Amino acid sequence: MPFSLVSCSSPAAPPSQPTTSGHNTNQASNQTSSSTITIQNYAFSPSPLTVSPGETVNVQNHDQMAHTVTAKDQTFDTGAIPAGSSTSFKAPSKAGTYAYSCTFHTFMHGVLIVK
């Protein structure tokens, strides 16, 4: 099934910048806490994921296609995560429930709870 990529307008504030690697990496030992979102079979797992404000959230893409983890309100956006790669981002500092999706595959949805 063909699909096309559509660009949206830029958010008012830039989202946090992720780091991407072609393989899973260990986080630096000085980071106190991290959680992981796994992308597999065009789905985010776990969802919802509960994290602390500012916590590092790792994202592992186990699919054969690129995906994103993009907050509905643009609070965070990993950008494209190539197939078989991983990245991370900082959870928002404000407590709340953040709906996110993949910008390439809009049927993919998840929820990040910050508390």
PDB file of N, CA and C in Angstrom:
ATOM      1  N   MET A   1       0.847  -1.164   0.000  1.00  0.00           N
ATOM      2  CA  MET A   1       0.000   0.000   0.000  1.00  0.00           C
ATOM      3  C   MET A   1       0.894   1.228   0.000  1.00  0.00           C
ATOM      4  N   PRO A   2       0.822   2.082  -1.018  1.00  0.00           N
ATOM      5  CA  PRO A   2       1.688   3.260  -1.074  1.00  0.00           C
ATOM      6  C   PRO A   2       1.276   4.288  -0.033  1.00  0.00           C
ATOM      7  N   PHE A   3       2.212   5.081   0.395  1.00  0.00           N
ATOM      8  CA  PHE A   3       1.933   6.170   1.310  1.00  0.00           C
ATOM      9  C   PHE A   3       2.831   7.338   0.952  1.00  0.00           C
ATOM     10  N   SER A   4       2.438   8.506   1.416  1.00  0.00           N
ATOM     11  CA  SER A   4       3.257   9.684   1.165  1.00  0.00           C
ATOM     12  C   SER A   4       3.537  10.371   2.482  1.00  0.00           C
ATOM     13  N   LEU A   5       4.636  11.076   2.521  1.00  0.00           N
ATOM     14  CA  LEU A   5       5.019  11.818   3.710  1.00  0.00           C
ATOM     15  C   LEU A   5       4.504  13.230   3.562  1.00  0.00           C
ATOM     16  N   VAL A   6       3.912  13.754   4.615  1.00  0.00           N
ATOM     17  CA  VAL A   6       3.362  15.094   4.596  1.00  0.00           C
ATOM     18  C   VAL A   6       4.045  15.893   5.683  1.00  0.00           C
ATOM     19  N   SER A   7       4.445  17.079   5.361  1.00  0.00           N
ATOM     20  CA  SER A   7       5.114  17.938   6.330  1.00  0.00           C
ATOM     21  C   SER A   7       4.087  18.795   7.038  1.00  0.00           C
ATOM     22  N   CYS A   8       4.294  19.019   8.319  1.00  0.00           N
ATOM     23  CA  CYS A   8       3.435  19.882   9.110  1.00  0.00           C
ATOM     24  C   CYS A   8       4.207  21.133   9.470  1.00  0.00           C
ATOM     25  N   SER A   9       3.495  22.150   9.945  1.00  0.00           N
ATOM     26  CA  SER A   9       4.164  23.387  10.327  1.00  0.00           C
ATOM     27  C   SER A   9       5.043  23.164  11.541  1.00  0.00           C
ATOM     28  N   SER A  10       6.019  24.005  11.718  1.00  0.00           N
ATOM     29  CA  SER A  10       6.960  23.892  12.829  1.00  0.00           C
ATOM     30  C   SER A  10       6.277  24.240  14.136  1.00  0.00           C
ATOM     31  N   PRO A  11       6.627  23.564  15.232  1.00  0.00           N
ATOM     32  CA  PRO A  11       6.062  23.907  16.534  1.00  0.00           C
ATOM     33  C   PRO A  11       6.618  25.242  17.019  1.00  0.00           C
ATOM     34  N   ALA A  12       5.880  25.872  17.943  1.00  0.00           N
ATOM     35  CA  ALA A  12       6.305  27.165  18.475  1.00  0.00           C
ATOM     36  C   ALA A  12       7.632  27.053  19.210  1.00  0.00           C
ATOM     37  N   ALA A  13       7.823  25.967  19.937  1.00  0.00           N
ATOM     38  CA  ALA A  13       9.082  25.733  20.641  1.00  0.00           C
ATOM     39  C   ALA A  13       9.699  24.462  20.081  1.00  0.00           C
ATOM     40  N   PRO A  14      11.008  24.447  19.880  1.00  0.00           N
ATOM     41  CA  PRO A  14      11.621  23.248  19.312  1.00  0.00           C
ATOM     42  C   PRO A  14      11.521  22.073  20.272  1.00  0.00           C
ATOM     43  N   PRO A  15      11.242  20.867  19.747  1.00  0.00           N
ATOM     44  CA  PRO A  15      11.177  19.693  20.616  1.00  0.00           C
ATOM     45  C   PRO A  15      12.566  19.293  21.082  1.00  0.00           C
ATOM     46  N   SER A  16      12.603  18.475  22.120  1.00  0.00           N
ATOM     47  CA  SER A  16      13.903  18.010  22.594  1.00  0.00           C
ATOM     48  C   SER A  16      14.574  17.213  21.492  1.00  0.00           C
ATOM     49  N   GLN A  17      15.886  17.311  21.407  1.00  0.00           N
ATOM     50  CA  GLN A  17      16.636  16.655  20.349  1.00  0.00           C
ATOM     51  C   GLN A  17      17.064  15.264  20.787  1.00  0.00           C
ATOM     52  N   PRO A  18      16.669  14.232  20.033  1.00  0.00           N
ATOM     53  CA  PRO A  18      17.073  12.876  20.382  1.00  0.00           C
ATOM     54  C   PRO A  18      18.467  12.555  19.884  1.00  0.00           C
ATOM     55  N   THR A  19      19.006  11.463  20.373  1.00  0.00           N
ATOM     56  CA  THR A  19      20.254  10.925  19.843  1.00  0.00           C
ATOM     57  C   THR A  19      19.920   9.584  19.222  1.00  0.00           C
ATOM     58  N   THR A  20      20.480   9.301  18.067  1.00  0.00           N
ATOM     59  CA  THR A  20      20.148   8.086  17.344  1.00  0.00           C
ATOM     60  C   THR A  20      21.391   7.258  17.119  1.00  0.00           C
ATOM     61  N   SER A  21      21.232   5.946  17.192  1.00  0.00           N
ATOM     62  CA  SER A  21      22.331   5.048  16.868  1.00  0.00           C
ATOM     63  C   SER A  21      21.793   3.888  16.055  1.00  0.00           C
ATOM     64  N   GLY A  22      22.656   3.202  15.353  1.00  0.00           N
ATOM     65  CA  GLY A  22      22.258   2.084  14.533  1.00  0.00           C
ATOM     66  C   GLY A  22      22.084   0.801  15.322  1.00  0.00           C
ATOM     67  N   HIS A  23      22.288   0.847  16.617  1.00  0.00           N
ATOM     68  CA  HIS A  23      22.151  -0.333  17.463  1.00  0.00           C
ATOM     69  C   HIS A  23      21.788   0.119  18.859  1.00  0.00           C
ATOM     70  N   ASN A  24      21.397  -0.823  19.688  1.00  0.00           N
ATOM     71  CA  ASN A  24      21.066  -0.491  21.068  1.00  0.00           C
ATOM     72  C   ASN A  24      22.335  -0.088  21.800  1.00  0.00           C
ATOM     73  N   THR A  25      22.241   0.942  22.604  1.00  0.00           N
ATOM     74  CA  THR A  25      23.402   1.407  23.348  1.00  0.00           C
ATOM     75  C   THR A  25      23.069   1.461  24.823  1.00  0.00           C
ATOM     76  N   ASN A  26      24.079   1.337  25.660  1.00  0.00           N
ATOM     77  CA  ASN A  26      23.895   1.492  27.093  1.00  0.00           C
ATOM     78  C   ASN A  26      23.950   2.969  27.424  1.00  0.00           C
ATOM     79  N   GLN A  27      23.083   3.396  28.321  1.00  0.00           N
ATOM     80  CA  GLN A  27      23.070   4.787  28.735  1.00  0.00           C
ATOM     81  C   GLN A  27      24.239   5.042  29.679  1.00  0.00           C
ATOM     82  N   ALA A  28      24.671   6.275  29.735  1.00  0.00           N
ATOM     83  CA  ALA A  28      25.776   6.653  30.615  1.00  0.00           C
ATOM     84  C   ALA A  28      25.420   6.325  32.061  1.00  0.00           C
ATOM     85  N   SER A  29      26.400   5.954  32.848  1.00  0.00           N
ATOM     86  CA  SER A  29      26.153   5.499  34.206  1.00  0.00           C
ATOM     87  C   SER A  29      25.679   6.610  35.131  1.00  0.00           C
ATOM     88  N   ASN A  30      25.844   7.871  34.746  1.00  0.00           N
ATOM     89  CA  ASN A  30      25.413   8.959  35.619  1.00  0.00           C
ATOM     90  C   ASN A  30      23.931   9.276  35.464  1.00  0.00           C
ATOM     91  N   GLN A  31      23.230   8.638  34.541  1.00  0.00           N
ATOM     92  CA  GLN A  31      21.805   8.868  34.408  1.00  0.00           C
ATOM     93  C   GLN A  31      21.086   8.003  35.429  1.00  0.00           C
ATOM     94  N   THR A  32      20.140   8.621  36.133  1.00  0.00           N
ATOM     95  CA  THR A  32      19.519   7.935  37.248  1.00  0.00           C
ATOM     96  C   THR A  32      18.418   6.980  36.829  1.00  0.00           C
ATOM     97  N   SER A  33      17.709   7.272  35.757  1.00  0.00           N
ATOM     98  CA  SER A  33      16.574   6.442  35.422  1.00  0.00           C
ATOM     99  C   SER A  33      16.276   6.524  33.934  1.00  0.00           C
ATOM    100  N   SER A  34      15.858   5.415  33.368  1.00  0.00           N
ATOM    101  CA  SER A  34      15.416   5.424  31.982  1.00  0.00           C
ATOM    102  C   SER A  34      14.370   4.342  31.781  1.00  0.00           C
ATOM    103  N   SER A  35      13.528   4.555  30.803  1.00  0.00           N
ATOM    104  CA  SER A  35      12.490   3.613  30.425  1.00  0.00           C
ATOM    105  C   SER A  35      12.576   3.419  28.923  1.00  0.00           C
ATOM    106  N   THR A  36      11.935   2.373  28.420  1.00  0.00           N
ATOM    107  CA  THR A  36      12.053   2.057  27.001  1.00  0.00           C
ATOM    108  C   THR A  36      10.695   1.871  26.344  1.00  0.00           C
ATOM    109  N   ILE A  37      10.542   2.489  25.180  1.00  0.00           N
ATOM    110  CA  ILE A  37       9.414   2.243  24.285  1.00  0.00           C
ATOM    111  C   ILE A  37       9.960   1.362  23.165  1.00  0.00           C
ATOM    112  N   THR A  38       9.307   0.245  22.923  1.00  0.00           N
ATOM    113  CA  THR A  38       9.697  -0.649  21.838  1.00  0.00           C
ATOM    114  C   THR A  38       8.686  -0.523  20.708  1.00  0.00           C
ATOM    115  N   ILE A  39       9.199  -0.415  19.484  1.00  0.00           N
ATOM    116  CA  ILE A  39       8.337  -0.383  18.304  1.00  0.00           C
ATOM    117  C   ILE A  39       8.519  -1.716  17.587  1.00  0.00           C
ATOM    118  N   GLN A  40       7.416  -2.443  17.444  1.00  0.00           N
ATOM    119  CA  GLN A  40       7.467  -3.734  16.768  1.00  0.00           C
ATOM    120  C   GLN A  40       6.092  -4.041  16.192  1.00  0.00           C
ATOM    121  N   ASN A  41       6.074  -4.549  14.961  1.00  0.00           N
ATOM    122  CA  ASN A  41       4.813  -4.869  14.280  1.00  0.00           C
ATOM    123  C   ASN A  41       3.881  -3.660  14.232  1.00  0.00           C
ATOM    124  N   TYR A  42       4.457  -2.495  13.952  1.00  0.00           N
ATOM    125  CA  TYR A  42       3.709  -1.247  13.820  1.00  0.00           C
ATOM    126  C   TYR A  42       2.912  -0.912  15.076  1.00  0.00           C
ATOM    127  N   ALA A  43       3.511  -1.149  16.239  1.00  0.00           N
ATOM    128  CA  ALA A  43       2.864  -0.837  17.512  1.00  0.00           C
ATOM    129  C   ALA A  43       3.906  -0.383  18.521  1.00  0.00           C
ATOM    130  N   PHE A  44       3.477   0.505  19.446  1.00  0.00           N
ATOM    131  CA  PHE A  44       4.314   0.976  20.545  1.00  0.00           C
ATOM    132  C   PHE A  44       4.027   0.118  21.774  1.00  0.00           C
ATOM    133  N   SER A  45       5.079  -0.247  22.501  1.00  0.00           N
ATOM    134  CA  SER A  45       4.901  -1.041  23.704  1.00  0.00           C
ATOM    135  C   SER A  45       5.949  -0.620  24.732  1.00  0.00           C
ATOM    136  N   PRO A  46       5.594  -0.453  25.993  1.00  0.00           N
ATOM    137  CA  PRO A  46       4.232  -0.512  26.511  1.00  0.00           C
ATOM    138  C   PRO A  46       3.506   0.806  26.267  1.00  0.00           C
ATOM    139  N   SER A  47       2.230   0.754  26.318  1.00  0.00           N
ATOM    140  CA  SER A  47       1.425   1.966  26.246  1.00  0.00           C
ATOM    141  C   SER A  47       0.189   1.740  27.097  1.00  0.00           C
ATOM    142  N   PRO A  48       0.004   2.541  28.127  1.00  0.00           N
ATOM    143  CA  PRO A  48       0.835   3.706  28.449  1.00  0.00           C
ATOM    144  C   PRO A  48       2.141   3.312  29.135  1.00  0.00           C
ATOM    145  N   LEU A  49       3.090   4.240  29.073  1.00  0.00           N
ATOM    146  CA  LEU A  49       4.358   4.135  29.793  1.00  0.00           C
ATOM    147  C   LEU A  49       4.400   5.287  30.787  1.00  0.00           C
ATOM    148  N   THR A  50       4.659   4.989  32.060  1.00  0.00           N
ATOM    149  CA  THR A  50       4.734   6.022  33.091  1.00  0.00           C
ATOM    150  C   THR A  50       6.194   6.289  33.427  1.00  0.00           C
ATOM    151  N   VAL A  51       6.572   7.575  33.401  1.00  0.00           N
ATOM    152  CA  VAL A  51       7.950   7.997  33.662  1.00  0.00           C
ATOM    153  C   VAL A  51       7.948   9.203  34.587  1.00  0.00           C
ATOM    154  N   SER A  52       9.121   9.553  35.076  1.00  0.00           N
ATOM    155  CA  SER A  52       9.297  10.744  35.902  1.00  0.00           C
ATOM    156  C   SER A  52       9.608  11.941  35.011  1.00  0.00           C
ATOM    157  N   PRO A  53       9.318  13.159  35.488  1.00  0.00           N
ATOM    158  CA  PRO A  53       9.667  14.348  34.702  1.00  0.00           C
ATOM    159  C   PRO A  53      11.160  14.377  34.378  1.00  0.00           C
ATOM    160  N   GLY A  54      11.493  14.637  33.132  1.00  0.00           N
ATOM    161  CA  GLY A  54      12.881  14.741  32.705  1.00  0.00           C
ATOM    162  C   GLY A  54      13.613  13.421  32.539  1.00  0.00           C
ATOM    163  N   GLU A  55      12.929  12.310  32.769  1.00  0.00           N
ATOM    164  CA  GLU A  55      13.561  10.990  32.646  1.00  0.00           C
ATOM    165  C   GLU A  55      13.945  10.708  31.190  1.00  0.00           C
ATOM    166  N   THR A  56      15.025   9.977  30.995  1.00  0.00           N
ATOM    167  CA  THR A  56      15.417   9.543  29.658  1.00  0.00           C
ATOM    168  C   THR A  56      14.497   8.420  29.211  1.00  0.00           C
ATOM    169  N   VAL A  57      13.925   8.584  28.022  1.00  0.00           N
ATOM    170  CA  VAL A  57      13.079   7.550  27.431  1.00  0.00           C
ATOM    171  C   VAL A  57      13.814   7.007  26.211  1.00  0.00           C
ATOM    172  N   ASN A  58      14.173   5.738  26.260  1.00  0.00           N
ATOM    173  CA  ASN A  58      14.825   5.078  25.127  1.00  0.00           C
ATOM    174  C   ASN A  58      13.752   4.556  24.187  1.00  0.00           C
ATOM    175  N   VAL A  59      14.043   4.585  22.893  1.00  0.00           N
ATOM    176  CA  VAL A  59      13.114   4.066  21.893  1.00  0.00           C
ATOM    177  C   VAL A  59      13.880   3.098  21.008  1.00  0.00           C
ATOM    178  N   GLN A  60      13.381   1.884  20.889  1.00  0.00           N
ATOM    179  CA  GLN A  60      14.006   0.861  20.050  1.00  0.00           C
ATOM    180  C   GLN A  60      13.045   0.488  18.927  1.00  0.00           C
ATOM    181  N   ASN A  61      13.491   0.643  17.682  1.00  0.00           N
ATOM    182  CA  ASN A  61      12.672   0.322  16.522  1.00  0.00           C
ATOM    183  C   ASN A  61      13.067  -1.060  15.997  1.00  0.00           C
ATOM    184  N   HIS A  62      12.218  -2.045  16.229  1.00  0.00           N
ATOM    185  CA  HIS A  62      12.473  -3.410  15.774  1.00  0.00           C
ATOM    186  C   HIS A  62      11.767  -3.722  14.453  1.00  0.00           C
ATOM    187  N   ASP A  63      11.106  -2.726  13.862  1.00  0.00           N
ATOM    188  CA  ASP A  63      10.428  -2.928  12.582  1.00  0.00           C
ATOM    189  C   ASP A  63      11.395  -2.766  11.417  1.00  0.00           C
ATOM    190  N   GLN A  64      10.913  -3.068  10.220  1.00  0.00           N
ATOM    191  CA  GLN A  64      11.698  -2.937   8.993  1.00  0.00           C
ATOM    192  C   GLN A  64      11.467  -1.598   8.304  1.00  0.00           C
ATOM    193  N   MET A  65      10.739  -0.696   8.963  1.00  0.00           N
ATOM    194  CA  MET A  65      10.443   0.638   8.442  1.00  0.00           C
ATOM    195  C   MET A  65      10.844   1.679   9.481  1.00  0.00           C
ATOM    196  N   ALA A  66      11.109   2.890   9.015  1.00  0.00           N
ATOM    197  CA  ALA A  66      11.381   4.005   9.933  1.00  0.00           C
ATOM    198  C   ALA A  66      10.083   4.408  10.630  1.00  0.00           C
ATOM    199  N   HIS A  67      10.215   4.882  11.861  1.00  0.00           N
ATOM    200  CA  HIS A  67       9.077   5.366  12.644  1.00  0.00           C
ATOM    201  C   HIS A  67       9.508   6.612  13.409  1.00  0.00           C
ATOM    202  N   THR A  68       8.529   7.309  13.990  1.00  0.00           N
ATOM    203  CA  THR A  68       8.800   8.419  14.903  1.00  0.00           C
ATOM    204  C   THR A  68       7.991   8.206  16.177  1.00  0.00           C
ATOM    205  N   VAL A  69       8.399   8.888  17.230  1.00  0.00           N
ATOM    206  CA  VAL A  69       7.600   9.017  18.449  1.00  0.00           C
ATOM    207  C   VAL A  69       7.403  10.517  18.603  1.00  0.00           C
ATOM    208  N   THR A  70       6.217  10.983  18.227  1.00  0.00           N
ATOM    209  CA  THR A  70       5.937  12.414  18.147  1.00  0.00           C
ATOM    210  C   THR A  70       4.724  12.757  19.002  1.00  0.00           C
ATOM    211  N   ALA A  71       4.919  13.605  20.013  1.00  0.00           N
ATOM    212  CA  ALA A  71       3.816  14.018  20.876  1.00  0.00           C
ATOM    213  C   ALA A  71       2.801  14.825  20.076  1.00  0.00           C
ATOM    214  N   LYS A  72       1.535  14.603  20.368  1.00  0.00           N
ATOM    215  CA  LYS A  72       0.458  15.327  19.688  1.00  0.00           C
ATOM    216  C   LYS A  72       0.665  16.833  19.816  1.00  0.00           C
ATOM    217  N   ASP A  73       1.140  17.280  20.998  1.00  0.00           N
ATOM    218  CA  ASP A  73       1.362  18.716  21.220  1.00  0.00           C
ATOM    219  C   ASP A  73       2.787  19.149  20.873  1.00  0.00           C
ATOM    220  N   GLN A  74       3.567  18.262  20.228  1.00  0.00           N
ATOM    221  CA  GLN A  74       4.943  18.524  19.799  1.00  0.00           C
ATOM    222  C   GLN A  74       5.920  18.728  20.962  1.00  0.00           C
ATOM    223  N   THR A  75       5.553  18.324  22.183  1.00  0.00           N
ATOM    224  CA  THR A  75       6.441  18.446  23.336  1.00  0.00           C
ATOM    225  C   THR A  75       7.717  17.642  23.135  1.00  0.00           C
ATOM    226  N   PHE A  76       7.610  16.513  22.467  1.00  0.00           N
ATOM    227  CA  PHE A  76       8.787  15.716  22.117  1.00  0.00           C
ATOM    228  C   PHE A  76       8.575  15.114  20.735  1.00  0.00           C
ATOM    229  N   ASP A  77       9.678  14.895  20.046  1.00  0.00           N
ATOM    230  CA  ASP A  77       9.649  14.325  18.697  1.00  0.00           C
ATOM    231  C   ASP A  77      11.013  13.710  18.423  1.00  0.00           C
ATOM    232  N   THR A  78      11.053  12.420  18.224  1.00  0.00           N
ATOM    233  CA  THR A  78      12.328  11.749  17.986  1.00  0.00           C
ATOM    234  C   THR A  78      12.865  11.986  16.585  1.00  0.00           C
ATOM    235  N   GLY A  79      12.025  12.448  15.674  1.00  0.00           N
ATOM    236  CA  GLY A  79      12.419  12.447  14.276  1.00  0.00           C
ATOM    237  C   GLY A  79      12.423  11.005  13.797  1.00  0.00           C
ATOM    238  N   ALA A  80      12.844  10.777  12.568  1.00  0.00           N
ATOM    239  CA  ALA A  80      12.824   9.430  11.993  1.00  0.00           C
ATOM    240  C   ALA A  80      13.822   8.521  12.703  1.00  0.00           C
ATOM    241  N   ILE A  81      13.346   7.365  13.117  1.00  0.00           N
ATOM    242  CA  ILE A  81      14.189   6.329  13.715  1.00  0.00           C
ATOM    243  C   ILE A  81      14.282   5.215  12.671  1.00  0.00           C
ATOM    244  N   PRO A  82      15.430   5.055  12.035  1.00  0.00           N
ATOM    245  CA  PRO A  82      15.550   4.030  10.990  1.00  0.00           C
ATOM    246  C   PRO A  82      15.273   2.618  11.518  1.00  0.00           C
ATOM    247  N   ALA A  83      14.898   1.737  10.620  1.00  0.00           N
ATOM    248  CA  ALA A  83      14.662   0.332  10.962  1.00  0.00           C
ATOM    249  C   ALA A  83      15.873  -0.240  11.689  1.00  0.00           C
ATOM    250  N   GLY A  84      15.620  -0.948  12.791  1.00  0.00           N
ATOM    251  CA  GLY A  84      16.691  -1.588  13.538  1.00  0.00           C
ATOM    252  C   GLY A  84      17.535  -0.658  14.381  1.00  0.00           C
ATOM    253  N   SER A  85      17.122   0.593  14.521  1.00  0.00           N
ATOM    254  CA  SER A  85      17.905   1.580  15.274  1.00  0.00           C
ATOM    255  C   SER A  85      17.226   1.945  16.589  1.00  0.00           C
ATOM    256  N   SER A  86      17.936   2.719  17.386  1.00  0.00           N
ATOM    257  CA  SER A  86      17.387   3.207  18.646  1.00  0.00           C
ATOM    258  C   SER A  86      17.735   4.671  18.811  1.00  0.00           C
ATOM    259  N   THR A  87      16.996   5.319  19.698  1.00  0.00           N
ATOM    260  CA  THR A  87      17.214   6.725  20.010  1.00  0.00           C
ATOM    261  C   THR A  87      16.722   6.957  21.431  1.00  0.00           C
ATOM    262  N   SER A  88      16.853   8.162  21.921  1.00  0.00           N
ATOM    263  CA  SER A  88      16.314   8.503  23.234  1.00  0.00           C
ATOM    264  C   SER A  88      15.901   9.964  23.239  1.00  0.00           C
ATOM    265  N   PHE A  89      15.022  10.301  24.179  1.00  0.00           N
ATOM    266  CA  PHE A  89      14.606  11.686  24.374  1.00  0.00           C
ATOM    267  C   PHE A  89      14.313  11.885  25.852  1.00  0.00           C
ATOM    268  N   LYS A  90      14.250  13.137  26.274  1.00  0.00           N
ATOM    269  CA  LYS A  90      13.920  13.465  27.656  1.00  0.00           C
ATOM    270  C   LYS A  90      12.411  13.643  27.775  1.00  0.00           C
ATOM    271  N   ALA A  91      11.822  13.001  28.770  1.00  0.00           N
ATOM    272  CA  ALA A  91      10.400  13.183  29.037  1.00  0.00           C
ATOM    273  C   ALA A  91      10.152  14.638  29.416  1.00  0.00           C
ATOM    274  N   PRO A  92       8.965  15.150  29.122  1.00  0.00           N
ATOM    275  CA  PRO A  92       8.657  16.530  29.516  1.00  0.00           C
ATOM    276  C   PRO A  92       8.848  16.733  31.019  1.00  0.00           C
ATOM    277  N   SER A  93       9.183  17.958  31.399  1.00  0.00           N
ATOM    278  CA  SER A  93       9.391  18.271  32.816  1.00  0.00           C
ATOM    279  C   SER A  93       8.077  18.516  33.548  1.00  0.00           C
ATOM    280  N   LYS A  94       7.002  18.716  32.801  1.00  0.00           N
ATOM    281  CA  LYS A  94       5.686  18.974  33.390  1.00  0.00           C
ATOM    282  C   LYS A  94       4.882  17.674  33.454  1.00  0.00           C
ATOM    283  N   ALA A  95       4.329  17.377  34.637  1.00  0.00           N
ATOM    284  CA  ALA A  95       3.497  16.186  34.793  1.00  0.00           C
ATOM    285  C   ALA A  95       2.276  16.278  33.888  1.00  0.00           C
ATOM    286  N   GLY A  96       1.856  15.143  33.377  1.00  0.00           N
ATOM    287  CA  GLY A  96       0.676  15.114  32.524  1.00  0.00           C
ATOM    288  C   GLY A  96       0.643  13.861  31.678  1.00  0.00           C
ATOM    289  N   THR A  97      -0.391  13.768  30.867  1.00  0.00           N
ATOM    290  CA  THR A  97      -0.562  12.651  29.947  1.00  0.00           C
ATOM    291  C   THR A  97      -0.324  13.166  28.542  1.00  0.00           C
ATOM    292  N   TYR A  98       0.605  12.538  27.831  1.00  0.00           N
ATOM    293  CA  TYR A  98       1.028  12.978  26.505  1.00  0.00           C
ATOM    294  C   TYR A  98       0.727  11.889  25.476  1.00  0.00           C
ATOM    295  N   ALA A  99      -0.223  12.167  24.606  1.00  0.00           N
ATOM    296  CA  ALA A  99      -0.519  11.251  23.503  1.00  0.00           C
ATOM    297  C   ALA A  99       0.553  11.437  22.439  1.00  0.00           C
ATOM    298  N   TYR A 100       0.984  10.331  21.839  1.00  0.00           N
ATOM    299  CA  TYR A 100       1.965  10.425  20.760  1.00  0.00           C
ATOM    300  C   TYR A 100       1.597   9.455  19.648  1.00  0.00           C
ATOM    301  N   SER A 101       2.206   9.661  18.493  1.00  0.00           N
ATOM    302  CA  SER A 101       1.968   8.791  17.348  1.00  0.00           C
ATOM    303  C   SER A 101       3.211   8.766  16.476  1.00  0.00           C
ATOM    304  N   CYS A 102       3.152   7.962  15.437  1.00  0.00           N
ATOM    305  CA  CYS A 102       4.194   7.934  14.414  1.00  0.00           C
ATOM    306  C   CYS A 102       3.720   8.829  13.277  1.00  0.00           C
ATOM    307  N   THR A 103       4.527   9.789  12.883  1.00  0.00           N
ATOM    308  CA  THR A 103       4.100  10.701  11.815  1.00  0.00           C
ATOM    309  C   THR A 103       4.036  10.005  10.462  1.00  0.00           C
ATOM    310  N   PHE A 104       4.767   8.902  10.293  1.00  0.00           N
ATOM    311  CA  PHE A 104       4.734   8.163   9.031  1.00  0.00           C
ATOM    312  C   PHE A 104       3.547   7.208   8.957  1.00  0.00           C
ATOM    313  N   HIS A 105       3.129   6.701  10.105  1.00  0.00           N
ATOM    314  CA  HIS A 105       2.061   5.700  10.186  1.00  0.00           C
ATOM    315  C   HIS A 105       1.068   6.184  11.243  1.00  0.00           C
ATOM    316  N   THR A 106       0.146   7.023  10.845  1.00  0.00           N
ATOM    317  CA  THR A 106      -0.716   7.738  11.789  1.00  0.00           C
ATOM    318  C   THR A 106      -1.668   6.832  12.564  1.00  0.00           C
ATOM    319  N   PHE A 107      -1.774   5.567  12.183  1.00  0.00           N
ATOM    320  CA  PHE A 107      -2.598   4.627  12.940  1.00  0.00           C
ATOM    321  C   PHE A 107      -1.869   4.125  14.184  1.00  0.00           C
ATOM    322  N   MET A 108      -0.581   4.423  14.305  1.00  0.00           N
ATOM    323  CA  MET A 108       0.199   4.006  15.472  1.00  0.00           C
ATOM    324  C   MET A 108       0.074   5.069  16.565  1.00  0.00           C
ATOM    325  N   HIS A 109      -0.443   4.684  17.723  1.00  0.00           N
ATOM    326  CA  HIS A 109      -0.648   5.620  18.831  1.00  0.00           C
ATOM    327  C   HIS A 109      -0.087   5.051  20.127  1.00  0.00           C
ATOM    328  N   GLY A 110       0.336   5.947  21.013  1.00  0.00           N
ATOM    329  CA  GLY A 110       0.795   5.564  22.335  1.00  0.00           C
ATOM    330  C   GLY A 110       0.541   6.687  23.321  1.00  0.00           C
ATOM    331  N   VAL A 111       0.773   6.400  24.593  1.00  0.00           N
ATOM    332  CA  VAL A 111       0.568   7.392  25.654  1.00  0.00           C
ATOM    333  C   VAL A 111       1.766   7.350  26.596  1.00  0.00           C
ATOM    334  N   LEU A 112       2.303   8.534  26.896  1.00  0.00           N
ATOM    335  CA  LEU A 112       3.367   8.700  27.884  1.00  0.00           C
ATOM    336  C   LEU A 112       2.772   9.466  29.055  1.00  0.00           C
ATOM    337  N   ILE A 113       2.836   8.886  30.246  1.00  0.00           N
ATOM    338  CA  ILE A 113       2.338   9.545  31.455  1.00  0.00           C
ATOM    339  C   ILE A 113       3.547  10.011  32.248  1.00  0.00           C
ATOM    340  N   VAL A 114       3.580  11.298  32.547  1.00  0.00           N
ATOM    341  CA  VAL A 114       4.670  11.882  33.330  1.00  0.00           C
ATOM    342  C   VAL A 114       4.113  12.234  34.695  1.00  0.00           C
ATOM    343  N   LYS A 115       4.698  11.612  35.755  1.00  0.00           N
ATOM    344  CA  LYS A 115       4.268  11.949  37.123  1.00  0.00           C
ATOM    345  C   LYS A 115       5.362  11.666  38.118  1.00  0.00           C
TER     346      LYS A 115
END
